[in-house]
C-alpha atoms as a PDB file:
ATOM      1  CA  MET A   1       0.065   0.010  -0.050  1.00  0.00           C
ATOM      2  CA  GLY A   2       1.065   3.462  -0.489  1.00  0.00           C
ATOM      3  CA  THR A   3       3.916   2.850  -2.798  1.00  0.00           C
ATOM      4  CA  THR A   4       2.446   3.165  -6.283  1.00  0.00           C
ATOM      5  CA  GLU A   5       3.076   6.985  -6.376  1.00  0.00           C
ATOM      6  CA  ASN A   6       6.564   6.709  -5.072  1.00  0.00           C
ATOM      7  CA  HIS A   7       7.469   4.254  -7.827  1.00  0.00           C
ATOM      8  CA  LYS A   8       5.786   5.697 -10.770  1.00  0.00           C
ATOM      9  CA  ASP A   9       9.192   6.154 -12.460  1.00  0.00           C
ATOM     10  CA  VAL A  10      10.661   3.053 -11.178  1.00  0.00           C
ATOM     11  CA  GLY A  11      11.046   1.476 -14.607  1.00  0.00           C
ATOM     12  CA  ASN A  12      13.392   4.117 -15.689  1.00  0.00           C
ATOM     13  CA  PHE A  13      15.198   4.248 -12.360  1.00  0.00           C
ATOM     14  CA  GLU A  14      15.930   0.635 -12.236  1.00  0.00           C
ATOM     15  CA  GLU A  15      17.000   0.238 -15.862  1.00  0.00           C
ATOM     16  CA  LYS A  16      19.717   2.725 -15.281  1.00  0.00           C
ATOM     17  CA  GLN A  17      21.080   1.074 -12.134  1.00  0.00           C
ATOM     18  CA  ILE A  18      20.478  -2.718 -12.535  1.00  0.00           C
ATOM     19  CA  SER A  19      23.356  -4.803 -13.864  1.00  0.00           C
ATOM     20  CA  ILE A  20      22.329  -8.235 -15.285  1.00  0.00           C
ATOM     21  CA  GLN A  21      24.745 -10.914 -14.586  1.00  0.00           C
ATOM     22  CA  PRO A  22      24.489 -14.796 -15.113  1.00  0.00           C
ATOM     23  CA  THR A  23      23.587 -16.583 -11.957  1.00  0.00           C
ATOM     24  CA  THR A  24      26.847 -17.485 -10.244  1.00  0.00           C
ATOM     25  CA  THR A  25      27.836 -21.104  -9.525  1.00  0.00           C
ATOM     26  CA  GLN A  26      27.206 -20.439  -5.893  1.00  0.00           C
ATOM     27  CA  GLU A  27      23.660 -19.295  -6.392  1.00  0.00           C
ATOM     28  CA  SER A  28      22.982 -22.014  -8.973  1.00  0.00           C
ATOM     29  CA  SER A  29      24.054 -24.640  -6.275  1.00  0.00           C
ATOM     30  CA  LEU A  30      21.736 -23.024  -3.769  1.00  0.00           C
ATOM     31  CA  GLN A  31      18.772 -23.447  -6.056  1.00  0.00           C
ATOM     32  CA  THR A  32      19.054 -27.206  -6.263  1.00  0.00           C
ATOM     33  CA  GLN A  33      20.708 -28.275  -2.891  1.00  0.00           C
ATOM     34  CA  LYS A  34      18.783 -29.143   0.250  1.00  0.00           C
ATOM     35  CA  HIS A  35      18.751 -26.364   2.815  1.00  0.00           C
ATOM     36  CA  SER A  36      21.886 -26.913   4.876  1.00  0.00           C
ATOM     37  CA  HIS A  37      20.562 -25.081   7.951  1.00  0.00           C
ATOM     38  CA  PHE A  38      16.865 -24.183   8.078  1.00  0.00           C
ATOM     39  CA  GLN A  39      14.102 -26.397   6.381  1.00  0.00           C
ATOM     40  CA  PRO A  40      10.433 -25.598   7.032  1.00  0.00           C
ATOM     41  CA  GLN A  41       9.524 -28.005   9.654  1.00  0.00           C
ATOM     42  CA  THR A  42       7.226 -31.016   9.232  1.00  0.00           C
ATOM     43  CA  SER A  43       6.106 -33.545  11.746  1.00  0.00           C
ATOM     44  CA  GLY A  44       9.232 -35.619  12.783  1.00  0.00           C
ATOM     45  CA  SER A  45      11.645 -33.766  10.604  1.00  0.00           C
ATOM     46  CA  ASN A  46      15.029 -32.441  11.778  1.00  0.00           C
ATOM     47  CA  THR A  47      17.567 -30.155  10.197  1.00  0.00           C
ATOM     48  CA  SER A  48      20.997 -31.610   9.595  1.00  0.00           C
ATOM     49  CA  ARG A  49      22.956 -28.997  11.442  1.00  0.00           C
ATOM     50  CA  SER A  50      21.684 -26.248  13.628  1.00  0.00           C
ATOM     51  CA  THR A  51      21.508 -26.592  17.380  1.00  0.00           C
ATOM     52  CA  ALA A  52      25.270 -27.425  17.843  1.00  0.00           C
ATOM     53  CA  ASP A  53      26.340 -24.824  15.224  1.00  0.00           C
ATOM     54  CA  GLU A  54      24.770 -21.437  15.346  1.00  0.00           C
ATOM     55  CA  HIS A  55      27.055 -19.823  12.694  1.00  0.00           C
ATOM     56  CA  ILE A  56      25.224 -17.922  10.070  1.00  0.00           C
ATOM     57  CA  ARG A  57      26.780 -18.995   6.748  1.00  0.00           C
ATOM     58  CA  ILE A  58      26.779 -18.305   3.030  1.00  0.00           C
ATOM     59  CA  GLY A  59      23.759 -20.315   1.948  1.00  0.00           C
ATOM     60  CA  SER A  60      21.939 -20.333   5.289  1.00  0.00           C
ATOM     61  CA  TYR A  61      18.163 -19.961   5.285  1.00  0.00           C
ATOM     62  CA  ILE A  62      17.277 -17.638   8.069  1.00  0.00           C
ATOM     63  CA  ALA A  63      14.420 -15.675   9.640  1.00  0.00           C
ATOM     64  CA  LEU A  64      15.064 -12.111  10.968  1.00  0.00           C
ATOM     65  CA  GLN A  65      13.314 -11.342  14.083  1.00  0.00           C
ATOM     66  CA  HIS A  66      12.977  -7.583  15.140  1.00  0.00           C
ATOM     67  CA  GLY A  67      14.403  -6.941  18.542  1.00  0.00           C
ATOM     68  CA  THR A  68      11.780  -4.753  20.055  1.00  0.00           C
ATOM     69  CA  THR A  69       8.440  -6.043  18.574  1.00  0.00           C
ATOM     70  CA  SER A  70       9.435  -9.726  17.956  1.00  0.00           C
ATOM     71  CA  ARG A  71       8.039  -9.521  14.433  1.00  0.00           C
ATOM     72  CA  TYR A  72       9.733 -11.225  11.455  1.00  0.00           C
ATOM     73  CA  LEU A  73      11.079  -9.606   8.223  1.00  0.00           C
ATOM     74  CA  SER A  74       8.768 -10.570   5.387  1.00  0.00           C
ATOM     75  CA  SER A  75       7.926  -9.716   1.856  1.00  0.00           C
ATOM     76  CA  ARG A  76       4.845  -9.993  -0.595  1.00  0.00           C
ATOM     77  CA  SER A  77       3.917  -8.848  -3.964  1.00  0.00           C
ATOM     78  CA  LEU A  78       1.697  -5.785  -4.387  1.00  0.00           C
ATOM     79  CA  ASP A  79      -1.346  -7.156  -6.076  1.00  0.00           C
ATOM     80  CA  ASN A  80      -2.748  -5.186  -8.997  1.00  0.00           C
ATOM     81  CA  ASN A  81       0.014  -2.652  -8.731  1.00  0.00           C
ATOM     82  CA  GLU A  82       1.204  -1.781 -12.236  1.00  0.00           C
ATOM     83  CA  SER A  83       4.466  -0.224 -10.984  1.00  0.00           C
ATOM     84  CA  SER A  84       5.253  -3.221  -8.930  1.00  0.00           C
ATOM     85  CA  ALA A  85       4.759  -5.705 -11.669  1.00  0.00           C
ATOM     86  CA  LYS A  86       6.859  -3.641 -14.162  1.00  0.00           C
ATOM     87  CA  GLY A  87       9.742  -3.129 -11.758  1.00  0.00           C
ATOM     88  CA  ASN A  88       9.875  -6.543 -10.202  1.00  0.00           C
ATOM     89  CA  ILE A  89       9.094  -4.900  -6.809  1.00  0.00           C
ATOM     90  CA  ASP A  90       7.781  -6.610  -3.623  1.00  0.00           C
ATOM     91  CA  GLN A  91       6.692  -4.927  -0.384  1.00  0.00           C
ATOM     92  CA  VAL A  92       8.789  -5.452   2.723  1.00  0.00           C
ATOM     93  CA  PHE A  93       7.191  -5.437   6.188  1.00  0.00           C
ATOM     94  CA  ALA A  94       7.349  -7.203   9.685  1.00  0.00           C
ATOM     95  CA  THR A  95       4.845  -9.790  10.650  1.00  0.00           C
ATOM     96  CA  ARG A  96       3.797 -12.014  13.652  1.00  0.00           C
ATOM     97  CA  ARG A  97       4.265 -15.406  11.967  1.00  0.00           C
ATOM     98  CA  LYS A  98       7.210 -17.244  10.666  1.00  0.00           C
ATOM     99  CA  ASN A  99       6.902 -19.397   7.740  1.00  0.00           C
ATOM    100  CA  GLU A 100       8.588 -19.887   4.286  1.00  0.00           C
ATOM    101  CA  ASN A 101       7.733 -16.401   3.195  1.00  0.00           C
ATOM    102  CA  GLU A 102       9.802 -15.102   6.138  1.00  0.00           C
ATOM    103  CA  LEU A 103      12.862 -17.025   5.304  1.00  0.00           C
ATOM    104  CA  TRP A 104      15.865 -15.291   3.661  1.00  0.00           C
ATOM    105  CA  ILE A 105      18.797 -16.865   1.875  1.00  0.00           C
ATOM    106  CA  VAL A 106      22.206 -15.281   2.896  1.00  0.00           C
ATOM    107  CA  LEU A 107      24.337 -14.629  -0.134  1.00  0.00           C
ATOM    108  CA  GLN A 108      27.615 -13.007  -0.978  1.00  0.00           C
ATOM    109  CA  ALA A 109      27.359  -9.219  -1.696  1.00  0.00           C
ATOM    110  CA  TYR A 110      26.891  -8.169  -5.234  1.00  0.00           C
ATOM    111  CA  GLY A 111      30.316  -7.171  -6.829  1.00  0.00           C
ATOM    112  CA  GLU A 112      32.338  -8.641  -3.890  1.00  0.00           C
ATOM    113  CA  ARG A 113      35.851  -9.528  -4.969  1.00  0.00           C
ATOM    114  CA  ARG A 114      36.638 -11.816  -2.115  1.00  0.00           C
ATOM    115  CA  ARG A 115      34.941 -15.034  -3.008  1.00  0.00           C
ATOM    116  CA  LEU A 116      33.062 -16.741  -0.147  1.00  0.00           C
ATOM    117  CA  LYS A 117      31.883 -20.324  -0.649  1.00  0.00           C
ATOM    118  CA  THR A 118      28.548 -21.839   0.285  1.00  0.00           C
ATOM    119  CA  ASP A 119      28.810 -22.816   3.988  1.00  0.00           C
ATOM    120  CA  ASP A 120      31.493 -20.285   4.851  1.00  0.00           C
ATOM    121  CA  ALA A 121      30.734 -18.581   8.205  1.00  0.00           C
ATOM    122  CA  VAL A 122      29.918 -14.924   7.691  1.00  0.00           C
ATOM    123  CA  PRO A 123      32.302 -12.695   9.767  1.00  0.00           C
ATOM    124  CA  TYR A 124      31.340  -9.391  11.232  1.00  0.00           C
ATOM    125  CA  ASN A 125      31.840  -6.373   9.009  1.00  0.00           C
ATOM    126  CA  ALA A 126      31.144  -8.608   5.887  1.00  0.00           C
ATOM    127  CA  GLN A 127      28.846  -7.473   3.248  1.00  0.00           C
ATOM    128  CA  ILE A 128      25.952  -9.706   2.191  1.00  0.00           C
ATOM    129  CA  ARG A 129      22.683  -9.854   0.264  1.00  0.00           C
ATOM    130  CA  LEU A 130      19.327 -11.463   1.482  1.00  0.00           C
ATOM    131  CA  ARG A 131      17.150 -13.194  -0.852  1.00  0.00           C
ATOM    132  CA  ASN A 132      13.622 -14.052   0.060  1.00  0.00           C
ATOM    133  CA  MET A 133      13.158 -17.754  -0.253  1.00  0.00           C
ATOM    134  CA  VAL A 134       9.684 -17.553  -1.953  1.00  0.00           C
ATOM    135  CA  SER A 135       9.821 -14.702  -4.363  1.00  0.00           C
ATOM    136  CA  ARG A 136      13.589 -15.052  -5.021  1.00  0.00           C
ATOM    137  CA  ARG A 137      13.938 -11.248  -4.942  1.00  0.00           C
ATOM    138  CA  ASN A 138      16.563  -9.389  -3.127  1.00  0.00           C
ATOM    139  CA  LEU A 139      16.216  -7.167  -0.074  1.00  0.00           C
ATOM    140  CA  ARG A 140      17.030  -3.675  -1.136  1.00  0.00           C
ATOM    141  CA  SER A 141      16.947   0.078  -0.275  1.00  0.00           C
ATOM    142  CA  HIS A 142      17.820   3.257  -2.044  1.00  0.00           C
ATOM    143  CA  PRO A 143      17.969   6.995  -1.445  1.00  0.00           C
ATOM    144  CA  ASP A 144      15.364   8.040  -3.952  1.00  0.00           C
ATOM    145  CA  TYR A 145      11.990   6.737  -2.464  1.00  0.00           C
ATOM    146  CA  ILE A 146      10.337   7.045   0.848  1.00  0.00           C
ATOM    147  CA  SER A 147       8.567   4.525   2.865  1.00  0.00           C
ATOM    148  CA  PRO A 148       4.819   4.282   2.699  1.00  0.00           C
ATOM    149  CA  ILE A 149       3.757   5.642   6.268  1.00  0.00           C
ATOM    150  CA  SER A 150       6.637   7.337   8.079  1.00  0.00           C
ATOM    151  CA  ASN A 151       8.422   8.860   5.047  1.00  0.00           C
ATOM    152  CA  GLN A 152      11.778   7.339   6.050  1.00  0.00           C
ATOM    153  CA  GLN A 153      13.961   5.594   3.551  1.00  0.00           C
ATOM    154  CA  GLU A 154      12.177   2.773   1.717  1.00  0.00           C
ATOM    155  CA  VAL A 155      12.956  -0.896   1.724  1.00  0.00           C
ATOM    156  CA  ILE A 156      11.617  -3.234  -0.923  1.00  0.00           C
ATOM    157  CA  CYS A 157      12.497  -6.557  -2.561  1.00  0.00           C
ATOM    158  CA  HIS A 158      13.503  -6.309  -6.093  1.00  0.00           C
ATOM    159  CA  GLY A 159      14.875  -8.268  -9.039  1.00  0.00           C
ATOM    160  CA  ASP A 160      15.440 -11.967  -9.344  1.00  0.00           C
ATOM    161  CA  GLU A 161      18.124 -14.526  -9.314  1.00  0.00           C
ATOM    162  CA  ASN A 162      19.920 -12.893 -12.276  1.00  0.00           C
ATOM    163  CA  ILE A 163      19.254  -9.135 -11.473  1.00  0.00           C
ATOM    164  CA  SER A 164      21.102  -7.410  -8.768  1.00  0.00           C
ATOM    165  CA  ASP A 165      23.123  -4.252  -8.097  1.00  0.00           C
ATOM    166  CA  LEU A 166      24.977  -2.474  -5.142  1.00  0.00           C
ATOM    167  CA  ASN A 167      21.705  -1.318  -3.673  1.00  0.00           C
ATOM    168  CA  ASP A 168      21.125  -4.927  -2.522  1.00  0.00           C
ATOM    169  CA  ASN A 169      24.271  -4.997  -0.295  1.00  0.00           C
ATOM    170  CA  TRP A 170      24.150  -4.834   3.500  1.00  0.00           C
ATOM    171  CA  LEU A 171      26.881  -4.760   6.137  1.00  0.00           C
ATOM    172  CA  VAL A 172      26.553  -7.029   9.055  1.00  0.00           C
ATOM    173  CA  GLN A 173      27.441  -5.522  12.481  1.00  0.00           C
ATOM    174  CA  ARG A 174      26.978  -6.254  16.103  1.00  0.00           C
ATOM    175  CA  HIS A 175      24.375  -3.849  17.360  1.00  0.00           C
ATOM    176  CA  SER A 176      26.078  -0.993  19.352  1.00  0.00           C
ATOM    177  CA  TYR A 177      24.544   2.064  21.051  1.00  0.00           C
ATOM    178  CA  THR A 178      27.566   3.992  20.131  1.00  0.00           C
ATOM    179  CA  ASN A 179      29.998   4.292  17.125  1.00  0.00           C
ATOM    180  CA  ASN A 180      32.233   1.727  18.758  1.00  0.00           C
ATOM    181  CA  TYR A 181      31.568  -1.524  17.189  1.00  0.00           C
ATOM    182  CA  ASP A 182      32.828  -5.085  18.281  1.00  0.00           C
ATOM    183  CA  ASN A 183      33.210  -6.507  14.897  1.00  0.00           C
ATOM    184  CA  SER A 184      35.412  -9.455  16.045  1.00  0.00           C
ATOM    185  CA  GLY A 185      34.327 -13.152  15.330  1.00  0.00           C
ATOM    186  CA  TYR A 186      31.376 -14.427  13.233  1.00  0.00           C
ATOM    187  CA  TRP A 187      27.728 -13.809  13.030  1.00  0.00           C
ATOM    188  CA  LEU A 188      25.742 -16.116  15.357  1.00  0.00           C
ATOM    189  CA  ALA A 189      21.989 -16.754  15.339  1.00  0.00           C
ATOM    190  CA  SER A 190      21.753 -15.494  18.996  1.00  0.00           C
ATOM    191  CA  ASP A 191      23.521 -12.119  18.296  1.00  0.00           C
ATOM    192  CA  ALA A 192      21.747  -8.760  18.270  1.00  0.00           C
ATOM    193  CA  ILE A 193      22.837  -7.215  14.980  1.00  0.00           C
ATOM    194  CA  THR A 194      22.369  -4.228  12.652  1.00  0.00           C
ATOM    195  CA  LEU A 195      22.141  -4.473   8.983  1.00  0.00           C
ATOM    196  CA  ARG A 196      23.614  -1.344   7.288  1.00  0.00           C
ATOM    197  CA  HIS A 197      22.674  -0.344   3.839  1.00  0.00           C
ATOM    198  CA  ILE A 198      26.028   0.103   2.016  1.00  0.00           C
ATOM    199  CA  GLN A 199      24.928   2.632  -0.509  1.00  0.00           C
ATOM    200  CA  THR A 200      23.228   4.983   1.932  1.00  0.00           C
ATOM    201  CA  GLY A 201      24.601   4.291   5.434  1.00  0.00           C
ATOM    202  CA  ALA A 202      21.144   3.968   6.921  1.00  0.00           C
ATOM    203  CA  THR A 203      20.174   0.796   8.911  1.00  0.00           C
ATOM    204  CA  LEU A 204      17.357  -1.783   8.534  1.00  0.00           C
ATOM    205  CA  HIS A 205      14.676  -0.518  10.931  1.00  0.00           C
ATOM    206  CA  SER A 206      11.160  -1.259  12.121  1.00  0.00           C
ATOM    207  CA  HIS A 207       8.790   0.206  14.620  1.00  0.00           C
ATOM    208  CA  LYS A 208       5.198  -0.050  15.869  1.00  0.00           C
ATOM    209  CA  ILE A 209       3.847   1.970  12.932  1.00  0.00           C
ATOM    210  CA  MET A 210       1.430  -0.321  11.009  1.00  0.00           C
ATOM    211  CA  ILE A 211       1.058  -0.451   7.221  1.00  0.00           C
ATOM    212  CA  ASP A 212      -2.303  -2.331   7.840  1.00  0.00           C
ATOM    213  CA  ASP A 213      -4.062  -4.123  10.601  1.00  0.00           C
ATOM    214  CA  ASP A 214      -1.413  -6.942  10.872  1.00  0.00           C
ATOM    215  CA  ASP A 215       1.773  -5.800   9.457  1.00  0.00           C
ATOM    216  CA  GLN A 216       4.516  -3.405  10.675  1.00  0.00           C
ATOM    217  CA  GLU A 217       6.360  -0.856   8.618  1.00  0.00           C
ATOM    218  CA  VAL A 218      10.026  -1.727   7.778  1.00  0.00           C
ATOM    219  CA  THR A 219      12.398   1.092   6.673  1.00  0.00           C
ATOM    220  CA  CYS A 220      15.967   2.237   6.598  1.00  0.00           C
ATOM    221  CA  TYR A 221      16.649   4.801   9.050  1.00  0.00           C
ATOM    222  CA  GLY A 222      19.413   6.381  11.081  1.00  0.00           C
ATOM    223  CA  PRO A 223      22.807   5.281  12.275  1.00  0.00           C
ATOM    224  CA  GLY A 224      21.826   2.062  13.856  1.00  0.00           C
ATOM    225  CA  HIS A 225      22.118   2.837  17.561  1.00  0.00           C
ATOM    226  CA  GLU A 226      18.317   2.562  18.451  1.00  0.00           C
ATOM    227  CA  GLU A 227      16.483  -0.384  19.992  1.00  0.00           C
ATOM    228  CA  ASN A 228      14.381  -0.445  16.700  1.00  0.00           C
ATOM    229  CA  ASP A 229      17.472  -1.049  14.707  1.00  0.00           C
ATOM    230  CA  LYS A 230      18.225  -4.564  16.458  1.00  0.00           C
ATOM    231  CA  TRP A 231      17.522  -7.772  14.647  1.00  0.00           C
ATOM    232  CA  LYS A 232      18.313 -11.416  15.480  1.00  0.00           C
ATOM    233  CA  ALA A 233      18.667 -14.295  13.032  1.00  0.00           C
ATOM    234  CA  GLU A 234      16.800 -17.615  13.599  1.00  0.00           C
ATOM    235  CA  TYR A 235      17.296 -20.914  11.871  1.00  0.00           C
END
């Protein structure tokens, strides 16, 4: 809701910035392999890894829970939205539930020269992308459009497995209330983190402002020191 006017020129905007690359070997293998960390649970099923190893890895399937509201980062298409259909855009929000639509695949950042392999642990201060498991679109922000309710920086899902650019890249940091960050070690599922948008410096943010009766607005906002900037990964 509320994003159609913000995106009326999105077709032109995205064409100028999107670089189309063949799907990498890493991403192709992720499409066909079984989930190495999180699989949607069915009765009697167990993951092959997980409780003993809480490292978040390239290729992990994770949910991201907002620290202050306990809602999960999610995405969905905007039905009957011509701009959304043209620009491969999905809405991003936070919801109470956790199922397949709230799962995100951890991928290496777009354009990253240092090659990380599937199952490599993600160190702090690393750049990553997050791809929605269902839509296969990338979590993204940009400085040119505002969020639907609060007029902060917009967050969307965009593209597909072959379309990405630098606006899809996020920096993983331990959450800090100051500019002093402990970026030693590796990202663990129990850690309070911030995800900083590389191109704009703002951080992934949510709050009790709702976009409808059930779902909470997600934006990029501020330097990342607020409680509302904290997230935690879950398998």
